[in-house]
Amino acid sequence: MAASSRKVFEVLVSKVPWTVANKEIKDYFRQFGQIKRCFLPFDKGTGFHKGYCWIRYSNEEGLNNALEKDPHVLEGTKLQVQRNTRMFVRSKFNKDGDSDGDFD
């Protein structure tokens, strides 16, 4: 199957507090469905994450469950959650989990 016709069940989460780690994001969003992938990019200069992440669900049900909930709050901060409409291109990750580019 061509990558362009493949369905991706992914949300873009922004306004993530700097104190929230990848594990906490995954633990929170796991309540909506099985997570296939969680990507929280880090800034190499500061060592902190960039304040946004992508959560990819295994199926449409997980995606819809996450989109239906409002508000999403972690550590007292309201997260912005929206369906990701951008298709990513696979990249290699280094040992620190930093991406050399976008992912699919």
N, C-alpha and C. Protein backbone atom coordinates (compact mmCIF):
# COMPACT_ATOMS: atom_id res chain seq x y z
N MET A 1 0.85 -1.18 0.00
CA MET A 1 0.00 0.00 0.00
C MET A 1 0.89 1.23 0.00
N ALA A 2 0.56 2.21 -0.78
CA ALA A 2 1.34 3.44 -0.87
C ALA A 2 1.18 4.25 0.41
N ALA A 3 2.25 4.93 0.81
CA ALA A 3 2.24 5.71 2.05
C ALA A 3 1.18 6.81 2.02
N SER A 4 0.92 7.38 0.85
CA SER A 4 -0.03 8.48 0.76
C SER A 4 -1.47 8.04 1.01
N SER A 5 -1.78 6.75 0.83
CA SER A 5 -3.15 6.28 1.03
C SER A 5 -3.33 5.63 2.40
N ARG A 6 -2.27 5.51 3.17
CA ARG A 6 -2.32 4.89 4.48
C ARG A 6 -2.96 5.84 5.48
N LYS A 7 -3.90 5.33 6.29
CA LYS A 7 -4.53 6.17 7.31
C LYS A 7 -3.62 6.26 8.52
N VAL A 8 -3.51 7.47 9.06
CA VAL A 8 -2.72 7.70 10.25
C VAL A 8 -3.64 8.31 11.30
N PHE A 9 -3.66 7.72 12.48
CA PHE A 9 -4.54 8.17 13.55
C PHE A 9 -3.69 8.89 14.58
N GLU A 10 -3.45 10.19 14.33
CA GLU A 10 -2.46 10.93 15.09
C GLU A 10 -3.00 12.28 15.54
N VAL A 11 -2.64 12.66 16.77
CA VAL A 11 -2.97 13.99 17.27
C VAL A 11 -1.69 14.77 17.51
N LEU A 12 -1.80 16.08 17.34
CA LEU A 12 -0.73 17.00 17.67
C LEU A 12 -1.11 17.63 19.00
N VAL A 13 -0.23 17.52 19.98
CA VAL A 13 -0.47 18.08 21.31
C VAL A 13 0.50 19.24 21.50
N SER A 14 -0.03 20.42 21.80
CA SER A 14 0.84 21.58 22.04
C SER A 14 0.56 22.15 23.42
N LYS A 15 1.40 23.10 23.82
CA LYS A 15 1.36 23.72 25.15
C LYS A 15 1.68 22.70 26.25
N VAL A 16 2.58 21.78 25.95
CA VAL A 16 3.01 20.78 26.92
C VAL A 16 3.97 21.45 27.89
N PRO A 17 3.69 21.42 29.20
CA PRO A 17 4.61 22.04 30.17
C PRO A 17 5.99 21.40 30.11
N TRP A 18 7.02 22.18 30.33
CA TRP A 18 8.39 21.67 30.23
C TRP A 18 8.68 20.61 31.29
N THR A 19 7.88 20.57 32.35
CA THR A 19 8.09 19.60 33.43
C THR A 19 7.50 18.22 33.12
N VAL A 20 6.74 18.11 32.03
CA VAL A 20 6.11 16.84 31.65
C VAL A 20 7.06 16.05 30.75
N ALA A 21 7.28 14.79 31.09
CA ALA A 21 8.18 13.92 30.33
C ALA A 21 7.40 13.04 29.36
N ASN A 22 8.11 12.40 28.47
CA ASN A 22 7.53 11.51 27.46
C ASN A 22 6.67 10.43 28.12
N LYS A 23 7.15 9.82 29.20
CA LYS A 23 6.40 8.77 29.88
C LYS A 23 5.07 9.29 30.41
N GLU A 24 5.06 10.49 30.96
CA GLU A 24 3.82 11.08 31.49
C GLU A 24 2.81 11.35 30.37
N ILE A 25 3.31 11.83 29.25
CA ILE A 25 2.43 12.07 28.09
C ILE A 25 1.80 10.75 27.64
N LYS A 26 2.63 9.72 27.49
CA LYS A 26 2.12 8.41 27.06
C LYS A 26 1.13 7.84 28.06
N ASP A 27 1.46 7.93 29.34
CA ASP A 27 0.56 7.41 30.38
C ASP A 27 -0.79 8.12 30.33
N TYR A 28 -0.79 9.42 30.13
CA TYR A 28 -2.04 10.18 30.09
C TYR A 28 -2.87 9.80 28.85
N PHE A 29 -2.26 9.81 27.68
CA PHE A 29 -3.01 9.58 26.45
C PHE A 29 -3.35 8.11 26.21
N ARG A 30 -2.74 7.22 26.96
CA ARG A 30 -3.04 5.79 26.85
C ARG A 30 -4.48 5.48 27.27
N GLN A 31 -5.08 6.35 28.11
CA GLN A 31 -6.45 6.12 28.55
C GLN A 31 -7.46 6.18 27.40
N PHE A 32 -7.08 6.76 26.29
CA PHE A 32 -8.00 6.91 25.15
C PHE A 32 -7.88 5.79 24.13
N GLY A 33 -6.79 5.05 24.16
CA GLY A 33 -6.59 3.95 23.23
C GLY A 33 -5.14 3.51 23.19
N GLN A 34 -4.89 2.45 22.44
CA GLN A 34 -3.53 1.91 22.33
C GLN A 34 -2.66 2.87 21.52
N ILE A 35 -1.54 3.26 22.10
CA ILE A 35 -0.61 4.18 21.45
C ILE A 35 0.40 3.39 20.64
N LYS A 36 0.52 3.77 19.39
CA LYS A 36 1.49 3.14 18.50
C LYS A 36 2.84 3.86 18.61
N ARG A 37 2.77 5.19 18.80
CA ARG A 37 3.99 5.98 18.86
C ARG A 37 3.73 7.31 19.57
N CYS A 38 4.72 7.75 20.33
CA CYS A 38 4.69 9.05 20.98
C CYS A 38 6.01 9.73 20.68
N PHE A 39 5.96 10.92 20.12
CA PHE A 39 7.19 11.63 19.76
C PHE A 39 7.17 13.02 20.39
N LEU A 40 8.08 13.25 21.33
CA LEU A 40 8.23 14.52 22.03
C LEU A 40 9.63 15.05 21.70
N PRO A 41 9.73 15.95 20.72
CA PRO A 41 11.05 16.41 20.27
C PRO A 41 11.74 17.32 21.30
N PHE A 42 13.04 17.18 21.39
CA PHE A 42 13.84 17.98 22.30
C PHE A 42 14.70 18.99 21.54
N ASP A 43 14.97 20.10 22.19
CA ASP A 43 15.86 21.14 21.67
C ASP A 43 17.28 20.78 22.11
N LYS A 44 18.16 20.57 21.17
CA LYS A 44 19.53 20.17 21.51
C LYS A 44 20.28 21.25 22.28
N GLY A 45 19.92 22.51 22.05
CA GLY A 45 20.59 23.61 22.73
C GLY A 45 20.23 23.74 24.19
N THR A 46 18.94 23.60 24.50
CA THR A 46 18.48 23.79 25.88
C THR A 46 18.36 22.49 26.65
N GLY A 47 18.18 21.39 25.94
CA GLY A 47 17.96 20.11 26.60
C GLY A 47 16.52 19.88 27.02
N PHE A 48 15.67 20.87 26.83
CA PHE A 48 14.25 20.75 27.16
C PHE A 48 13.47 20.36 25.92
N HIS A 49 12.30 19.75 26.14
CA HIS A 49 11.48 19.45 24.98
C HIS A 49 10.88 20.74 24.43
N LYS A 50 10.36 20.68 23.23
CA LYS A 50 9.91 21.88 22.52
C LYS A 50 8.48 22.31 22.85
N GLY A 51 7.80 21.56 23.72
CA GLY A 51 6.46 21.97 24.15
C GLY A 51 5.33 21.43 23.31
N TYR A 52 5.66 20.51 22.41
CA TYR A 52 4.62 19.86 21.60
C TYR A 52 5.04 18.42 21.33
N CYS A 53 4.06 17.60 20.99
CA CYS A 53 4.36 16.21 20.66
C CYS A 53 3.28 15.64 19.75
N TRP A 54 3.57 14.48 19.21
CA TRP A 54 2.62 13.76 18.39
C TRP A 54 2.32 12.44 19.06
N ILE A 55 1.04 12.10 19.12
CA ILE A 55 0.60 10.81 19.64
C ILE A 55 -0.08 10.08 18.49
N ARG A 56 0.42 8.89 18.17
CA ARG A 56 -0.17 8.10 17.10
C ARG A 56 -0.87 6.90 17.73
N TYR A 57 -2.14 6.78 17.43
CA TYR A 57 -2.94 5.65 17.93
C TYR A 57 -2.95 4.52 16.92
N SER A 58 -3.20 3.33 17.41
CA SER A 58 -3.26 2.15 16.55
C SER A 58 -4.51 2.11 15.71
N ASN A 59 -5.56 2.81 16.17
CA ASN A 59 -6.82 2.78 15.43
C ASN A 59 -7.57 4.10 15.59
N GLU A 60 -8.62 4.23 14.80
CA GLU A 60 -9.39 5.48 14.78
C GLU A 60 -10.15 5.72 16.08
N GLU A 61 -10.51 4.66 16.76
CA GLU A 61 -11.25 4.80 18.02
C GLU A 61 -10.42 5.57 19.06
N GLY A 62 -9.16 5.22 19.20
CA GLY A 62 -8.28 5.92 20.14
C GLY A 62 -8.16 7.39 19.79
N LEU A 63 -7.99 7.66 18.49
CA LEU A 63 -7.90 9.04 18.02
C LEU A 63 -9.16 9.81 18.37
N ASN A 64 -10.32 9.25 18.05
CA ASN A 64 -11.59 9.94 18.32
C ASN A 64 -11.82 10.14 19.80
N ASN A 65 -11.47 9.15 20.62
CA ASN A 65 -11.61 9.30 22.07
C ASN A 65 -10.78 10.47 22.59
N ALA A 66 -9.56 10.60 22.10
CA ALA A 66 -8.68 11.69 22.53
C ALA A 66 -9.22 13.05 22.07
N LEU A 67 -9.77 13.09 20.86
CA LEU A 67 -10.28 14.36 20.33
C LEU A 67 -11.58 14.79 21.01
N GLU A 68 -12.36 13.82 21.48
CA GLU A 68 -13.64 14.14 22.12
C GLU A 68 -13.46 14.73 23.52
N LYS A 69 -12.40 14.36 24.21
CA LYS A 69 -12.17 14.86 25.57
C LYS A 69 -11.72 16.31 25.51
N ASP A 70 -12.31 17.14 26.35
CA ASP A 70 -11.88 18.53 26.46
C ASP A 70 -12.30 19.04 27.82
N PRO A 71 -11.46 19.59 28.61
CA PRO A 71 -10.05 19.88 28.31
C PRO A 71 -9.13 18.72 28.70
N HIS A 72 -7.93 18.76 28.13
CA HIS A 72 -6.85 17.87 28.52
C HIS A 72 -5.94 18.70 29.44
N VAL A 73 -5.73 18.26 30.66
CA VAL A 73 -4.92 19.02 31.62
C VAL A 73 -3.83 18.13 32.20
N LEU A 74 -2.59 18.60 32.12
CA LEU A 74 -1.45 17.92 32.74
C LEU A 74 -0.70 18.95 33.58
N GLU A 75 -0.45 18.60 34.83
CA GLU A 75 0.26 19.48 35.75
C GLU A 75 -0.32 20.88 35.78
N GLY A 76 -1.65 20.96 35.75
CA GLY A 76 -2.34 22.23 35.85
C GLY A 76 -2.38 23.06 34.58
N THR A 77 -1.85 22.53 33.50
CA THR A 77 -1.81 23.26 32.22
C THR A 77 -2.75 22.60 31.23
N LYS A 78 -3.57 23.42 30.58
CA LYS A 78 -4.49 22.92 29.55
C LYS A 78 -3.70 22.71 28.26
N LEU A 79 -3.71 21.48 27.79
CA LEU A 79 -3.04 21.13 26.54
C LEU A 79 -3.96 21.43 25.36
N GLN A 80 -3.38 21.78 24.24
CA GLN A 80 -4.15 21.90 23.00
C GLN A 80 -3.97 20.60 22.23
N VAL A 81 -5.08 19.97 21.90
CA VAL A 81 -5.04 18.69 21.19
C VAL A 81 -5.86 18.82 19.92
N GLN A 82 -5.24 18.50 18.80
CA GLN A 82 -5.94 18.56 17.52
C GLN A 82 -5.47 17.42 16.63
N ARG A 83 -6.31 17.08 15.69
CA ARG A 83 -5.95 16.02 14.73
C ARG A 83 -4.77 16.50 13.90
N ASN A 84 -3.80 15.64 13.74
CA ASN A 84 -2.65 15.98 12.91
C ASN A 84 -2.99 15.70 11.46
N THR A 85 -2.93 16.72 10.64
CA THR A 85 -3.27 16.56 9.23
C THR A 85 -2.02 16.51 8.35
N ARG A 86 -0.85 16.68 8.93
CA ARG A 86 0.39 16.68 8.16
C ARG A 86 0.98 15.28 8.13
N MET A 87 1.35 14.81 6.98
CA MET A 87 1.99 13.50 6.85
C MET A 87 3.49 13.68 7.03
N PHE A 88 4.09 12.83 7.84
CA PHE A 88 5.52 12.93 8.11
C PHE A 88 6.29 11.92 7.28
N VAL A 89 7.56 12.22 7.11
CA VAL A 89 8.47 11.36 6.36
C VAL A 89 9.38 10.67 7.36
N ARG A 90 9.56 9.38 7.18
CA ARG A 90 10.39 8.60 8.12
C ARG A 90 11.81 9.17 8.21
N SER A 91 12.33 9.16 9.42
CA SER A 91 13.71 9.60 9.62
C SER A 91 14.39 8.67 10.61
N LYS A 92 15.67 8.83 10.75
CA LYS A 92 16.43 8.07 11.72
C LYS A 92 16.52 8.86 13.01
N PHE A 93 16.51 8.16 14.14
CA PHE A 93 16.65 8.80 15.43
C PHE A 93 18.02 8.47 15.99
N ASN A 94 18.62 9.46 16.66
CA ASN A 94 19.91 9.19 17.28
C ASN A 94 19.69 8.55 18.65
N LYS A 95 20.75 8.25 19.36
CA LYS A 95 20.66 7.53 20.63
C LYS A 95 19.90 8.31 21.69
N ASP A 96 19.79 9.64 21.56
CA ASP A 96 19.07 10.46 22.54
C ASP A 96 17.60 10.61 22.20
N GLY A 97 17.16 10.00 21.11
CA GLY A 97 15.77 10.10 20.72
C GLY A 97 15.47 11.32 19.88
N ASP A 98 16.52 12.11 19.55
CA ASP A 98 16.32 13.27 18.70
C ASP A 98 16.18 12.83 17.26
N SER A 99 15.34 13.48 16.53
CA SER A 99 15.09 13.12 15.15
C SER A 99 16.00 13.92 14.23
N ASP A 100 16.41 13.30 13.15
CA ASP A 100 17.16 14.00 12.12
C ASP A 100 16.20 14.72 11.17
N GLY A 101 14.92 14.57 11.37
CA GLY A 101 13.90 15.17 10.52
C GLY A 101 12.53 14.74 10.99
N ASP A 102 11.55 14.80 10.12
CA ASP A 102 10.20 14.41 10.46
C ASP A 102 10.06 12.91 10.38
N PHE A 103 9.01 12.38 10.96
CA PHE A 103 8.77 10.94 10.90
C PHE A 103 7.42 10.69 10.25
N ASP A 104 7.20 9.45 9.84
CA ASP A 104 5.93 9.15 9.18
C ASP A 104 4.90 8.71 10.17
